[in-house]
Amino acid sequence: MNIKNIINNKKINEVESRVLTYIIEHIDDVMNMGVRGIAKNNYTSTSVIMRLTKKLGYTGFVDMRYKLYPQIKSNMLLTSLDIDSEKNDLFSTAHLKQFNDEHLLSSFAKKLTQLDDKFFFIYATGFSAIIAEYIHKKLLVLGKKSMLASGSDSAAVFENNLNHIGIFLAVSKSGHTEQVLNKARIARENGIFVVSFTNELLNPLAELSNINFKIEDNNKIDDLNILPNLFFPNLLILFEAITYKYHKMLIIKK
């Protein structure tokens, strides 16, 4: 990574430049090293590092590390991303059918036609919560009873309504989010049908689910969701495919 993007016309000397380069190259380890460890490894003093942080506009070393981390990681990911590779066509939805066959879509669509008296309870955190809100509103316009909650909501919103929930629906890109897993476990323990949308890898949320829909995560190590990734858009396409199945079933019933 070019440190000029970080320095941004600030005047630093040769020693400070060397230390900054070292921090960038060891960004995953510098918190464990601490200021003393970094100074020792670069044959300099801790005051040099603290002066560097001030010159760059940070309140201290910890502030500098946390603010540099996403910038450095995104640059590393972009460097490794093969933009021109035909083998990794990001803008392709072919994998939706690869991971989710017609039977799986029809199974969930059938559950939609059968769930009249009880609620959907939809749960997600972070970026997934944005998608969960769309699904929630889509279910409402379909005439379904739906409740939506995220990590900021009290656990009582879920636990005090267990007797009214027919389907617990979770969105989690990794399938490892502990808040989501806890809700899914409680749902299963109370005989509630669990549906989840996760990435295509094996994960604990998929194992807890009665139905698990898999969507390819194009950048699995990009936890900050910085790079182009069609996981969430493809999830919406997949859910619309389910509602299409649902409408077809309603027509057949008539």
Protein backbone atom coordinates (compact mmCIF):
# COMPACT_ATOMS: atom_id res chain seq x y z
CA MET A 1 0.00 0.00 0.00
CA ASN A 2 1.31 3.46 -0.92
CA ILE A 3 1.84 5.31 2.38
CA LYS A 4 1.42 8.64 0.55
CA ASN A 5 -2.34 8.05 0.75
CA ILE A 6 -2.05 7.93 4.53
CA ILE A 7 0.51 10.70 4.95
CA ASN A 8 -1.58 13.04 2.77
CA ASN A 9 1.06 15.83 2.50
CA LYS A 10 1.90 15.68 6.20
CA LYS A 11 5.62 16.12 6.87
CA ILE A 12 7.19 13.01 8.40
CA ASN A 13 10.86 12.10 8.53
CA GLU A 14 12.60 8.94 7.31
CA VAL A 15 12.38 7.10 10.65
CA GLU A 16 8.66 7.87 10.99
CA SER A 17 8.09 6.72 7.42
CA ARG A 18 9.83 3.42 8.17
CA VAL A 19 7.72 2.91 11.31
CA LEU A 20 4.51 3.68 9.44
CA THR A 21 5.41 1.17 6.73
CA TYR A 22 6.08 -1.43 9.42
CA ILE A 23 2.70 -0.77 11.05
CA ILE A 24 0.94 -1.15 7.69
CA GLU A 25 2.73 -4.43 6.94
CA HIS A 26 1.92 -5.82 10.41
CA ILE A 27 -1.51 -4.25 10.92
CA ASP A 28 -2.98 -7.52 12.29
CA ASP A 29 -0.28 -7.83 14.97
CA VAL A 30 0.57 -4.30 16.10
CA MET A 31 -2.07 -4.20 18.85
CA ASN A 32 -0.43 -7.20 20.51
CA MET A 33 3.03 -5.69 20.02
CA GLY A 34 2.01 -2.37 21.52
CA VAL A 35 3.97 0.84 21.11
CA ARG A 36 6.98 -0.57 22.97
CA GLY A 37 7.13 -3.66 20.77
CA ILE A 38 6.91 -1.66 17.55
CA ALA A 39 9.62 0.72 18.77
CA LYS A 40 11.89 -2.19 19.72
CA ASN A 41 11.43 -3.92 16.35
CA ASN A 42 12.31 -0.69 14.54
CA TYR A 43 15.26 0.27 16.78
CA THR A 44 13.62 3.52 17.79
CA SER A 45 11.82 5.08 20.75
CA THR A 46 8.15 5.08 21.74
CA SER A 47 8.14 8.89 21.47
CA VAL A 48 8.78 8.58 17.71
CA ILE A 49 5.63 6.50 17.31
CA MET A 50 3.51 8.81 19.44
CA ARG A 51 4.81 11.84 17.53
CA LEU A 52 3.92 10.08 14.27
CA THR A 53 0.33 9.49 15.39
CA LYS A 54 -0.07 13.18 16.26
CA LYS A 55 1.41 14.31 12.93
CA LEU A 56 -1.10 12.14 11.07
CA GLY A 57 -3.99 13.62 13.03
CA TYR A 58 -4.83 10.73 15.38
CA THR A 59 -5.44 11.02 19.12
CA GLY A 60 -3.03 8.18 19.81
CA PHE A 61 -1.68 4.83 18.67
CA VAL A 62 -4.90 2.85 19.28
CA ASP A 63 -6.94 5.46 17.41
CA MET A 64 -4.50 5.31 14.48
CA ARG A 65 -4.60 1.50 14.30
CA TYR A 66 -8.39 1.26 14.32
CA LYS A 67 -8.81 3.96 11.70
CA LEU A 68 -6.07 2.61 9.43
CA TYR A 69 -7.23 -1.01 9.65
CA PRO A 70 -10.24 -0.85 7.26
CA GLN A 71 -8.32 1.32 4.81
CA ILE A 72 -5.38 -1.08 4.71
CA LYS A 73 -7.55 -4.22 4.54
CA SER A 74 -9.71 -2.87 1.72
CA ASN A 75 -6.58 -1.98 -0.24
CA MET A 76 -5.19 -5.51 0.26
CA LEU A 77 -8.45 -7.07 -0.90
CA LEU A 78 -8.67 -4.86 -3.95
CA THR A 79 -5.11 -5.76 -4.87
CA SER A 80 -5.95 -9.47 -4.72
CA LEU A 81 -9.26 -9.12 -6.59
CA ASP A 82 -9.06 -10.39 -10.18
CA ILE A 83 -11.36 -7.88 -11.87
CA ASP A 84 -10.91 -9.32 -15.36
CA SER A 85 -11.25 -12.99 -14.49
CA GLU A 86 -14.03 -14.69 -16.43
CA LYS A 87 -13.89 -17.55 -13.96
CA ASN A 88 -15.06 -15.24 -11.16
CA ASP A 89 -17.93 -13.39 -12.79
CA LEU A 90 -19.23 -11.33 -9.88
CA PHE A 91 -22.34 -10.22 -11.71
CA SER A 92 -23.77 -13.68 -12.26
CA THR A 93 -26.76 -15.23 -10.50
CA ALA A 94 -26.26 -18.76 -11.86
CA HIS A 95 -25.18 -19.96 -8.44
CA LEU A 96 -28.65 -19.22 -7.03
CA LYS A 97 -29.99 -22.31 -8.80
CA GLN A 98 -26.82 -24.22 -8.06
CA PHE A 99 -27.29 -23.89 -4.30
CA ASN A 100 -31.10 -23.65 -4.15
CA ASP A 101 -33.15 -26.06 -6.22
CA GLU A 102 -36.79 -25.65 -7.22
CA HIS A 103 -37.95 -28.01 -4.48
CA LEU A 104 -36.37 -25.83 -1.79
CA LEU A 105 -38.05 -22.68 -3.11
CA SER A 106 -41.38 -24.48 -3.42
CA SER A 107 -41.12 -25.84 0.14
CA PHE A 108 -40.82 -22.36 1.59
CA ALA A 109 -43.48 -20.95 -0.74
CA LYS A 110 -45.83 -23.68 0.50
CA LYS A 111 -45.14 -22.66 4.11
CA LEU A 112 -46.12 -19.13 3.10
CA THR A 113 -49.54 -20.35 1.92
CA GLN A 114 -50.12 -22.29 5.14
CA LEU A 115 -49.11 -19.69 7.73
CA ASP A 116 -52.23 -17.60 8.36
CA ASP A 117 -52.78 -17.31 12.11
CA LYS A 118 -49.22 -17.07 13.39
CA PHE A 119 -46.42 -14.56 12.80
CA PHE A 120 -43.17 -14.55 10.92
CA PHE A 121 -40.43 -13.35 13.25
CA ILE A 122 -37.56 -11.90 11.20
CA TYR A 123 -34.19 -11.30 12.84
CA ALA A 124 -30.87 -9.91 11.57
CA THR A 125 -28.05 -7.54 12.52
CA GLY A 126 -25.75 -5.14 10.61
CA PHE A 127 -26.16 -5.01 6.82
CA SER A 128 -28.39 -8.08 7.01
CA ALA A 129 -30.94 -6.03 8.96
CA ILE A 130 -31.51 -3.85 5.88
CA ILE A 131 -32.46 -6.93 3.86
CA ALA A 132 -34.55 -8.25 6.74
CA GLU A 133 -36.59 -5.04 6.69
CA TYR A 134 -37.34 -5.52 2.99
CA ILE A 135 -38.49 -9.11 3.58
CA HIS A 136 -40.61 -7.93 6.51
CA LYS A 137 -42.40 -5.31 4.39
CA LYS A 138 -42.78 -7.74 1.50
CA LEU A 139 -44.52 -10.22 3.79
CA LEU A 140 -46.81 -7.49 5.10
CA VAL A 141 -47.98 -6.53 1.62
CA LEU A 142 -48.57 -10.24 0.95
CA GLY A 143 -51.02 -10.13 3.85
CA LYS A 144 -48.79 -12.05 6.27
CA LYS A 145 -48.31 -11.23 9.93
CA SER A 146 -44.71 -10.26 10.45
CA MET A 147 -42.48 -8.98 13.26
CA LEU A 148 -39.00 -7.57 12.73
CA ALA A 149 -36.17 -7.25 15.25
CA SER A 150 -32.42 -6.61 15.25
CA GLY A 151 -29.53 -6.65 17.70
CA SER A 152 -30.62 -3.38 19.29
CA ASP A 153 -34.01 -4.77 20.35
CA SER A 154 -34.73 -6.34 23.73
CA ALA A 155 -34.65 -10.15 23.86
CA ALA A 156 -38.14 -9.94 25.33
CA VAL A 157 -39.52 -8.88 21.93
CA PHE A 158 -38.75 -12.40 20.74
CA GLU A 159 -39.08 -14.48 23.91
CA ASN A 160 -42.43 -13.02 25.02
CA ASN A 161 -44.02 -13.81 21.65
CA LEU A 162 -42.86 -17.40 21.14
CA ASN A 163 -46.42 -18.77 21.29
CA HIS A 164 -47.44 -16.49 18.41
CA ILE A 165 -44.52 -17.25 16.06
CA GLY A 166 -44.96 -19.79 13.27
CA ILE A 167 -41.70 -19.18 11.40
CA PHE A 168 -38.42 -17.73 12.59
CA LEU A 169 -36.58 -16.22 9.61
CA ALA A 170 -32.93 -15.21 9.99
CA VAL A 171 -30.56 -13.40 7.65
CA SER A 172 -26.85 -13.82 8.40
CA LYS A 173 -24.16 -13.63 5.72
CA SER A 174 -21.67 -15.63 7.76
CA GLY A 175 -24.13 -17.87 9.58
CA HIS A 176 -21.98 -17.43 12.70
CA THR A 177 -23.51 -14.32 14.32
CA GLU A 178 -24.07 -15.34 17.94
CA GLN A 179 -27.16 -13.15 18.49
CA VAL A 180 -28.84 -14.80 15.51
CA LEU A 181 -27.77 -18.29 16.58
CA ASN A 182 -29.18 -17.81 20.07
CA LYS A 183 -32.59 -16.87 18.64
CA ALA A 184 -32.54 -19.79 16.21
CA ARG A 185 -31.74 -22.24 19.03
CA ILE A 186 -34.60 -20.93 21.16
CA ALA A 187 -36.94 -21.15 18.16
CA ARG A 188 -36.03 -24.80 17.51
CA GLU A 189 -36.37 -25.66 21.21
CA ASN A 190 -39.90 -24.26 21.10
CA GLY A 191 -40.93 -26.13 17.98
CA ILE A 192 -40.79 -23.09 15.69
CA PHE A 193 -39.93 -23.65 12.01
CA VAL A 194 -36.58 -21.99 11.21
CA VAL A 195 -35.69 -20.53 7.80
CA SER A 196 -32.31 -18.90 7.16
CA PHE A 197 -30.40 -17.10 4.42
CA THR A 198 -26.62 -17.50 4.71
CA ASN A 199 -23.52 -17.82 2.54
CA GLU A 200 -22.82 -21.09 0.74
CA LEU A 201 -20.37 -22.55 3.27
CA LEU A 202 -21.24 -24.91 6.11
CA ASN A 203 -22.22 -22.85 9.13
CA PRO A 204 -24.05 -23.37 12.45
CA LEU A 205 -27.13 -21.34 11.46
CA ALA A 206 -27.67 -23.51 8.37
CA GLU A 207 -27.44 -26.61 10.57
CA LEU A 208 -30.06 -25.21 12.96
CA SER A 209 -32.49 -24.42 10.12
CA ASN A 210 -35.37 -26.45 8.75
CA ILE A 211 -34.78 -24.67 5.45
CA ASN A 212 -31.49 -22.96 4.61
CA PHE A 213 -31.04 -20.87 1.46
CA LYS A 214 -27.45 -20.45 0.32
CA ILE A 215 -26.19 -17.35 -1.51
CA GLU A 216 -22.58 -17.08 -2.64
CA ASP A 217 -20.49 -14.61 -0.66
CA ASN A 218 -18.01 -13.21 -3.20
CA ASN A 219 -15.62 -11.80 -0.59
CA LYS A 220 -15.76 -13.92 2.53
CA ILE A 221 -12.87 -12.20 4.32
CA ASP A 222 -14.33 -8.75 3.70
CA ASP A 223 -16.16 -8.49 7.04
CA LEU A 224 -16.63 -4.76 6.62
CA ASN A 225 -18.50 -5.20 3.31
CA ILE A 226 -16.21 -2.72 1.54
CA LEU A 227 -15.72 -4.54 -1.77
CA PRO A 228 -18.33 -5.21 -4.49
CA ASN A 229 -20.43 -8.12 -3.32
CA LEU A 230 -23.76 -9.34 -4.66
CA PHE A 231 -24.66 -11.45 -1.63
CA PHE A 232 -27.41 -9.08 -0.49
CA PRO A 233 -28.80 -8.19 -3.96
CA ASN A 234 -28.88 -11.88 -4.87
CA LEU A 235 -30.64 -12.66 -1.60
CA LEU A 236 -33.40 -10.24 -2.62
CA ILE A 237 -33.63 -11.86 -6.07
CA LEU A 238 -33.93 -15.25 -4.39
CA PHE A 239 -36.69 -14.03 -2.09
CA GLU A 240 -38.59 -12.60 -5.05
CA ALA A 241 -38.28 -16.00 -6.75
CA ILE A 242 -39.90 -17.51 -3.65
CA THR A 243 -42.77 -15.02 -3.78
CA TYR A 244 -43.23 -15.89 -7.46
CA LYS A 245 -43.65 -19.53 -6.44
CA TYR A 246 -46.06 -18.42 -3.74
CA HIS A 247 -48.29 -16.53 -6.20
CA LYS A 248 -48.30 -19.49 -8.58
CA MET A 249 -49.52 -21.73 -5.74
CA LEU A 250 -52.31 -19.30 -4.93
CA ILE A 251 -53.46 -19.34 -8.55
CA ILE A 252 -53.47 -23.14 -8.63
CA LYS A 253 -55.52 -23.23 -5.41
CA LYS A 254 -58.19 -21.04 -7.03
